Amino acid sequence: MDDETRFWRELKKRNALAADTEAVPDLFAYAVKKLRKNDDIAAHDFISALHHRGGIRAFTMAVEFCNSADAVERDCGATVLGQLGYPKGKPFADRSLPHLERLLGDDDITVTRSALIALAHLEGYASVLRHRHLAEHEDADIRHAVAFALSGATLPEAIDLLIRQTRDPDDRVRDWAAFALGTQCNVDTQPLRDALLACLEDDCGPVRGEALVGLAKRGDQRVIPRLITEMTSKTPVDHVLVAAGEIAAPELLPALEQLGE
């Protein structure tokens, strides 16, 4: 039996996955070990155990890792802070924000991305907006993480930034920005609607699908003729059906019947 298997068995034997704080240093050590090997799935198991455990010891170690000279340890620390205490609550959220915001200026883009994802889980929209220049970062993963981090935000500055991201050159960034505007927030302004309408001309099917849902959710009648068209295109069917259900326009019935056939 290897050390890792023995470790998990000991944790389960002591019912330690959600209670014992003595295992915190070992959980961090194993998580970092897996991250160094680019084994993100296995690393997630250890980090998830830390999330569920919560507690001041895990928080303190995560902060220490965020201050480490080692990029992998900073990456681990940021990821732990993002959901520490989940699913019972996030008691260290406010204390975590300044540490995560500082990492938005990290030299390592993996650390920066992890900090953005962590801020998304903590709704640290203000921290992200103070680093809005990251939405123009040369790395698409960073720009995508910015869109993810602003999902659910209703601040006008966040909406404006997401609208700009619907014109990003990367499909994933545009897709998430359209999703954040269309589904993840309830803001309803003319610039937001117009941005979603422009997304209906996007070459990427999922982007068009998110725009359909967002416009239909807001009862925008301009979406109806496009919905009929998209029922025979490469736009994901689930987006089309959700949008049709949201707007519930009788004009859609013939096209829906044909789609069903």
Protein backbone atom coordinates (compact mmCIF):
# COMPACT_ATOMS: atom_id res chain seq x y z
CA MET A 1 0.00 0.00 0.00
CA ASP A 2 1.47 3.39 -0.99
CA ASP A 3 1.63 6.38 1.36
CA GLU A 4 -1.23 8.19 -0.31
CA THR A 5 -3.65 5.26 0.00
CA ARG A 6 -2.61 4.72 3.60
CA PHE A 7 -3.22 8.42 4.31
CA TRP A 8 -6.78 8.34 2.94
CA ARG A 9 -7.59 5.16 4.86
CA GLU A 10 -6.35 6.68 8.09
CA LEU A 11 -8.45 9.79 7.52
CA LYS A 12 -11.59 7.77 6.89
CA LYS A 13 -10.89 5.51 9.84
CA ARG A 14 -10.77 8.53 12.14
CA ASN A 15 -13.73 10.16 10.38
CA ALA A 16 -11.28 12.97 9.80
CA LEU A 17 -12.35 14.26 6.40
CA ALA A 18 -14.64 16.86 7.97
CA ALA A 19 -13.28 17.25 11.48
CA ASP A 20 -9.64 16.46 12.25
CA THR A 21 -7.29 19.46 11.90
CA GLU A 22 -4.14 17.44 12.47
CA ALA A 23 -4.30 16.25 8.87
CA VAL A 24 -4.26 19.80 7.44
CA PRO A 25 -0.46 19.97 6.81
CA ASP A 26 -0.52 16.57 5.10
CA LEU A 27 -3.47 17.56 2.93
CA PHE A 28 -1.59 20.66 1.77
CA ALA A 29 1.56 18.63 1.16
CA TYR A 30 -0.23 16.03 -0.96
CA ALA A 31 -2.15 18.71 -2.88
CA VAL A 32 1.07 20.52 -3.78
CA LYS A 33 2.71 17.24 -4.73
CA LYS A 34 -0.10 16.48 -7.19
CA LEU A 35 -0.10 20.02 -8.59
CA ARG A 36 3.63 19.73 -9.30
CA LYS A 37 2.85 16.64 -11.36
CA ASN A 38 0.01 18.47 -13.17
CA ASP A 39 -2.40 15.93 -11.71
CA ASP A 40 -5.19 18.42 -11.11
CA ILE A 41 -7.86 15.77 -10.50
CA ALA A 42 -5.96 14.13 -7.67
CA ALA A 43 -4.96 17.54 -6.27
CA HIS A 44 -8.64 18.51 -6.21
CA ASP A 45 -9.42 15.59 -3.87
CA PHE A 46 -6.99 16.91 -1.26
CA ILE A 47 -8.06 20.53 -1.74
CA SER A 48 -11.72 19.54 -1.50
CA ALA A 49 -10.98 17.81 1.82
CA LEU A 50 -9.47 21.09 3.03
CA HIS A 51 -12.52 23.01 1.83
CA HIS A 52 -14.88 20.74 3.72
CA ARG A 53 -12.74 20.79 6.82
CA GLY A 54 -12.47 24.58 6.99
CA GLY A 55 -11.08 25.91 10.25
CA ILE A 56 -8.52 28.47 11.26
CA ARG A 57 -5.58 26.12 10.78
CA ALA A 58 -6.43 25.54 7.12
CA PHE A 59 -6.98 29.28 6.64
CA THR A 60 -3.67 30.17 8.25
CA MET A 61 -1.75 27.65 6.15
CA ALA A 62 -3.50 28.79 2.97
CA VAL A 63 -2.42 32.38 3.68
CA GLU A 64 1.13 31.20 4.32
CA PHE A 65 1.06 29.39 0.98
CA CYS A 66 -0.25 32.54 -0.75
CA ASN A 67 2.85 34.32 0.58
CA SER A 68 5.21 31.55 -0.50
CA ALA A 69 8.09 32.13 -2.91
CA ASP A 70 6.98 28.94 -4.68
CA ALA A 71 4.36 29.45 -7.42
CA VAL A 72 2.79 26.01 -6.96
CA GLU A 73 2.27 26.69 -3.26
CA ARG A 74 0.72 30.09 -4.05
CA ASP A 75 -1.57 28.39 -6.56
CA CYS A 76 -2.63 25.87 -3.91
CA GLY A 77 -3.16 28.55 -1.26
CA ALA A 78 -5.39 30.61 -3.55
CA THR A 79 -7.48 27.60 -4.53
CA VAL A 80 -8.00 26.59 -0.90
CA LEU A 81 -9.08 30.10 0.12
CA GLY A 82 -11.69 30.24 -2.63
CA GLN A 83 -14.03 27.68 -1.07
CA LEU A 84 -12.72 27.18 2.46
CA GLY A 85 -15.65 26.05 4.60
CA TYR A 86 -17.79 24.87 1.66
CA PRO A 87 -20.61 23.78 1.73
CA LYS A 88 -21.40 25.00 5.26
CA GLY A 89 -20.43 28.59 4.55
CA LYS A 90 -17.29 30.59 3.94
CA PRO A 91 -16.35 32.13 7.31
CA PHE A 92 -12.98 33.41 6.08
CA ALA A 93 -14.26 35.10 2.91
CA ASP A 94 -13.65 38.71 3.97
CA ARG A 95 -10.22 37.90 5.39
CA SER A 96 -9.28 36.03 2.21
CA LEU A 97 -10.05 38.83 -0.26
CA PRO A 98 -6.91 40.96 0.25
CA HIS A 99 -4.63 37.94 -0.07
CA LEU A 100 -6.33 36.86 -3.29
CA GLU A 101 -6.37 40.37 -4.74
CA ARG A 102 -2.64 40.67 -4.17
CA LEU A 103 -2.14 37.50 -6.24
CA LEU A 104 -3.84 39.15 -9.22
CA GLY A 105 -0.49 40.86 -9.77
CA ASP A 106 1.47 37.60 -9.57
CA ASP A 107 4.17 36.89 -12.13
CA ASP A 108 2.83 33.37 -12.66
CA ILE A 109 -0.33 33.27 -14.78
CA THR A 110 -1.48 30.00 -13.20
CA VAL A 111 -1.49 31.72 -9.81
CA THR A 112 -3.32 34.73 -11.25
CA ARG A 113 -5.95 32.49 -12.81
CA SER A 114 -6.45 30.55 -9.55
CA ALA A 115 -6.84 33.83 -7.65
CA LEU A 116 -9.50 34.99 -10.12
CA ILE A 117 -11.40 31.72 -9.80
CA ALA A 118 -11.18 31.94 -6.00
CA LEU A 119 -12.50 35.52 -6.07
CA ALA A 120 -15.40 34.31 -8.22
CA HIS A 121 -16.40 31.87 -5.48
CA LEU A 122 -16.18 34.65 -2.87
CA GLU A 123 -17.97 37.25 -5.03
CA GLY A 124 -14.92 39.48 -4.86
CA TYR A 125 -16.13 41.61 -7.73
CA ALA A 126 -14.53 44.83 -6.45
CA SER A 127 -11.13 43.16 -6.28
CA VAL A 128 -11.45 41.96 -9.87
CA LEU A 129 -12.57 45.36 -11.12
CA ARG A 130 -9.54 47.01 -9.55
CA HIS A 131 -7.52 44.75 -11.88
CA ARG A 132 -9.77 45.12 -14.92
CA HIS A 133 -6.70 45.35 -17.14
CA LEU A 134 -6.57 41.55 -16.87
CA ALA A 135 -9.52 41.44 -19.27
CA GLU A 136 -7.00 42.51 -21.92
CA HIS A 137 -4.36 39.97 -20.89
CA GLU A 138 -2.57 38.18 -23.72
CA ASP A 139 -3.45 34.80 -22.21
CA ALA A 140 -7.00 33.69 -23.05
CA ASP A 141 -7.24 31.62 -19.86
CA ILE A 142 -6.79 34.79 -17.80
CA ARG A 143 -9.41 36.68 -19.81
CA HIS A 144 -11.78 33.74 -19.44
CA ALA A 145 -11.17 33.70 -15.68
CA VAL A 146 -12.06 37.41 -15.52
CA ALA A 147 -15.42 36.70 -17.17
CA PHE A 148 -15.96 33.81 -14.76
CA ALA A 149 -15.00 35.98 -11.78
CA LEU A 150 -17.57 38.64 -12.74
CA SER A 151 -20.44 36.19 -13.24
CA GLY A 152 -23.31 37.29 -11.05
CA ALA A 153 -22.02 40.83 -10.63
CA THR A 154 -24.52 43.66 -11.07
CA LEU A 155 -22.14 46.61 -10.74
CA PRO A 156 -22.31 48.85 -13.84
CA GLU A 157 -18.52 48.62 -14.22
CA ALA A 158 -18.73 44.81 -14.26
CA ILE A 159 -21.53 44.80 -16.83
CA ASP A 160 -19.57 47.18 -19.07
CA LEU A 161 -16.48 44.97 -18.84
CA LEU A 162 -18.46 41.82 -19.66
CA ILE A 163 -20.04 43.58 -22.63
CA ARG A 164 -16.54 44.29 -23.95
CA GLN A 165 -15.63 40.66 -23.40
CA THR A 166 -18.45 39.53 -25.69
CA ARG A 167 -16.17 40.86 -28.44
CA ASP A 168 -13.08 38.94 -27.29
CA PRO A 169 -11.21 36.98 -30.00
CA ASP A 170 -11.45 33.75 -27.97
CA ASP A 171 -14.65 31.69 -28.26
CA ARG A 172 -14.58 30.58 -24.61
CA VAL A 173 -14.28 34.13 -23.34
CA ARG A 174 -17.16 35.36 -25.48
CA ASP A 175 -19.24 32.33 -24.49
CA TRP A 176 -18.78 32.91 -20.77
CA ALA A 177 -19.29 36.66 -21.06
CA ALA A 178 -22.58 36.08 -22.88
CA PHE A 179 -23.59 33.52 -20.24
CA ALA A 180 -22.69 35.90 -17.41
CA LEU A 181 -24.74 38.71 -18.97
CA GLY A 182 -27.63 36.64 -20.22
CA THR A 183 -28.21 34.13 -17.45
CA GLN A 184 -26.08 34.83 -14.40
CA CYS A 185 -27.35 38.33 -13.70
CA ASN A 186 -30.78 39.98 -13.75
CA VAL A 187 -29.58 43.37 -14.96
CA ASP A 188 -31.73 44.61 -17.84
CA THR A 189 -30.40 47.62 -19.72
CA GLN A 190 -30.48 48.59 -23.38
CA PRO A 191 -26.68 48.33 -23.78
CA LEU A 192 -26.78 44.82 -22.29
CA ARG A 193 -29.61 43.76 -24.62
CA ASP A 194 -27.85 45.27 -27.61
CA ALA A 195 -24.67 43.39 -26.71
CA LEU A 196 -26.58 40.11 -26.59
CA LEU A 197 -28.28 40.97 -29.88
CA ALA A 198 -24.86 41.48 -31.45
CA CYS A 199 -23.85 38.05 -30.13
CA LEU A 200 -26.52 36.51 -32.35
CA GLU A 201 -24.19 37.23 -35.27
CA ASP A 202 -21.32 35.33 -33.63
CA ASP A 203 -19.75 32.43 -35.55
CA CYS A 204 -19.70 30.35 -32.34
CA GLY A 205 -22.94 28.42 -31.76
CA PRO A 206 -22.76 28.38 -27.94
CA VAL A 207 -22.28 32.17 -27.89
CA ARG A 208 -25.39 32.60 -30.01
CA GLY A 209 -27.21 30.17 -27.73
CA GLU A 210 -26.36 32.14 -24.59
CA ALA A 211 -27.51 35.32 -26.30
CA LEU A 212 -30.81 33.71 -27.28
CA VAL A 213 -31.47 32.68 -23.69
CA GLY A 214 -30.49 36.07 -22.30
CA LEU A 215 -32.72 38.01 -24.67
CA ALA A 216 -35.65 35.62 -24.24
CA LYS A 217 -35.30 35.83 -20.46
CA ARG A 218 -35.77 39.60 -20.77
CA GLY A 219 -38.76 39.26 -23.09
CA ASP A 220 -36.99 40.95 -25.98
CA GLN A 221 -39.20 40.36 -29.02
CA ARG A 222 -36.26 40.75 -31.39
CA VAL A 223 -35.18 37.27 -30.45
CA ILE A 224 -38.23 35.52 -31.94
CA PRO A 225 -37.25 35.50 -35.65
CA ARG A 226 -33.71 34.55 -34.73
CA LEU A 227 -34.96 31.69 -32.59
CA ILE A 228 -36.86 30.31 -35.56
CA THR A 229 -33.71 30.51 -37.67
CA GLU A 230 -31.50 28.98 -35.01
CA MET A 231 -33.75 25.94 -34.68
CA THR A 232 -32.28 24.69 -37.95
CA SER A 233 -28.70 25.82 -37.31
CA LYS A 234 -25.77 24.49 -35.30
CA THR A 235 -26.73 26.39 -32.18
CA PRO A 236 -27.03 23.92 -29.25
CA VAL A 237 -30.59 22.61 -29.06
CA ASP A 238 -30.75 22.97 -25.28
CA HIS A 239 -30.13 26.72 -25.57
CA VAL A 240 -32.82 27.02 -28.22
CA LEU A 241 -35.38 25.12 -26.14
CA VAL A 242 -34.61 27.09 -22.98
CA ALA A 243 -34.94 30.36 -24.89
CA ALA A 244 -38.21 29.22 -26.49
CA GLY A 245 -39.57 28.32 -23.05
CA GLU A 246 -38.56 31.71 -21.65
CA ILE A 247 -40.23 33.80 -24.35
CA ALA A 248 -43.17 31.40 -24.94
CA ALA A 249 -44.19 33.04 -28.22
CA PRO A 250 -46.95 31.31 -30.29
CA GLU A 251 -45.00 32.11 -33.46
CA LEU A 252 -42.44 29.51 -32.41
CA LEU A 253 -44.84 26.55 -32.44
CA PRO A 254 -44.42 25.49 -36.11
CA ALA A 255 -40.64 25.61 -35.85
CA LEU A 256 -40.70 23.71 -32.55
CA GLU A 257 -42.91 21.00 -34.06
CA GLN A 258 -40.52 20.67 -36.98
CA LEU A 259 -37.59 20.50 -34.57
CA GLY A 260 -39.37 17.74 -32.66
CA GLU A 261 -39.79 15.73 -35.83
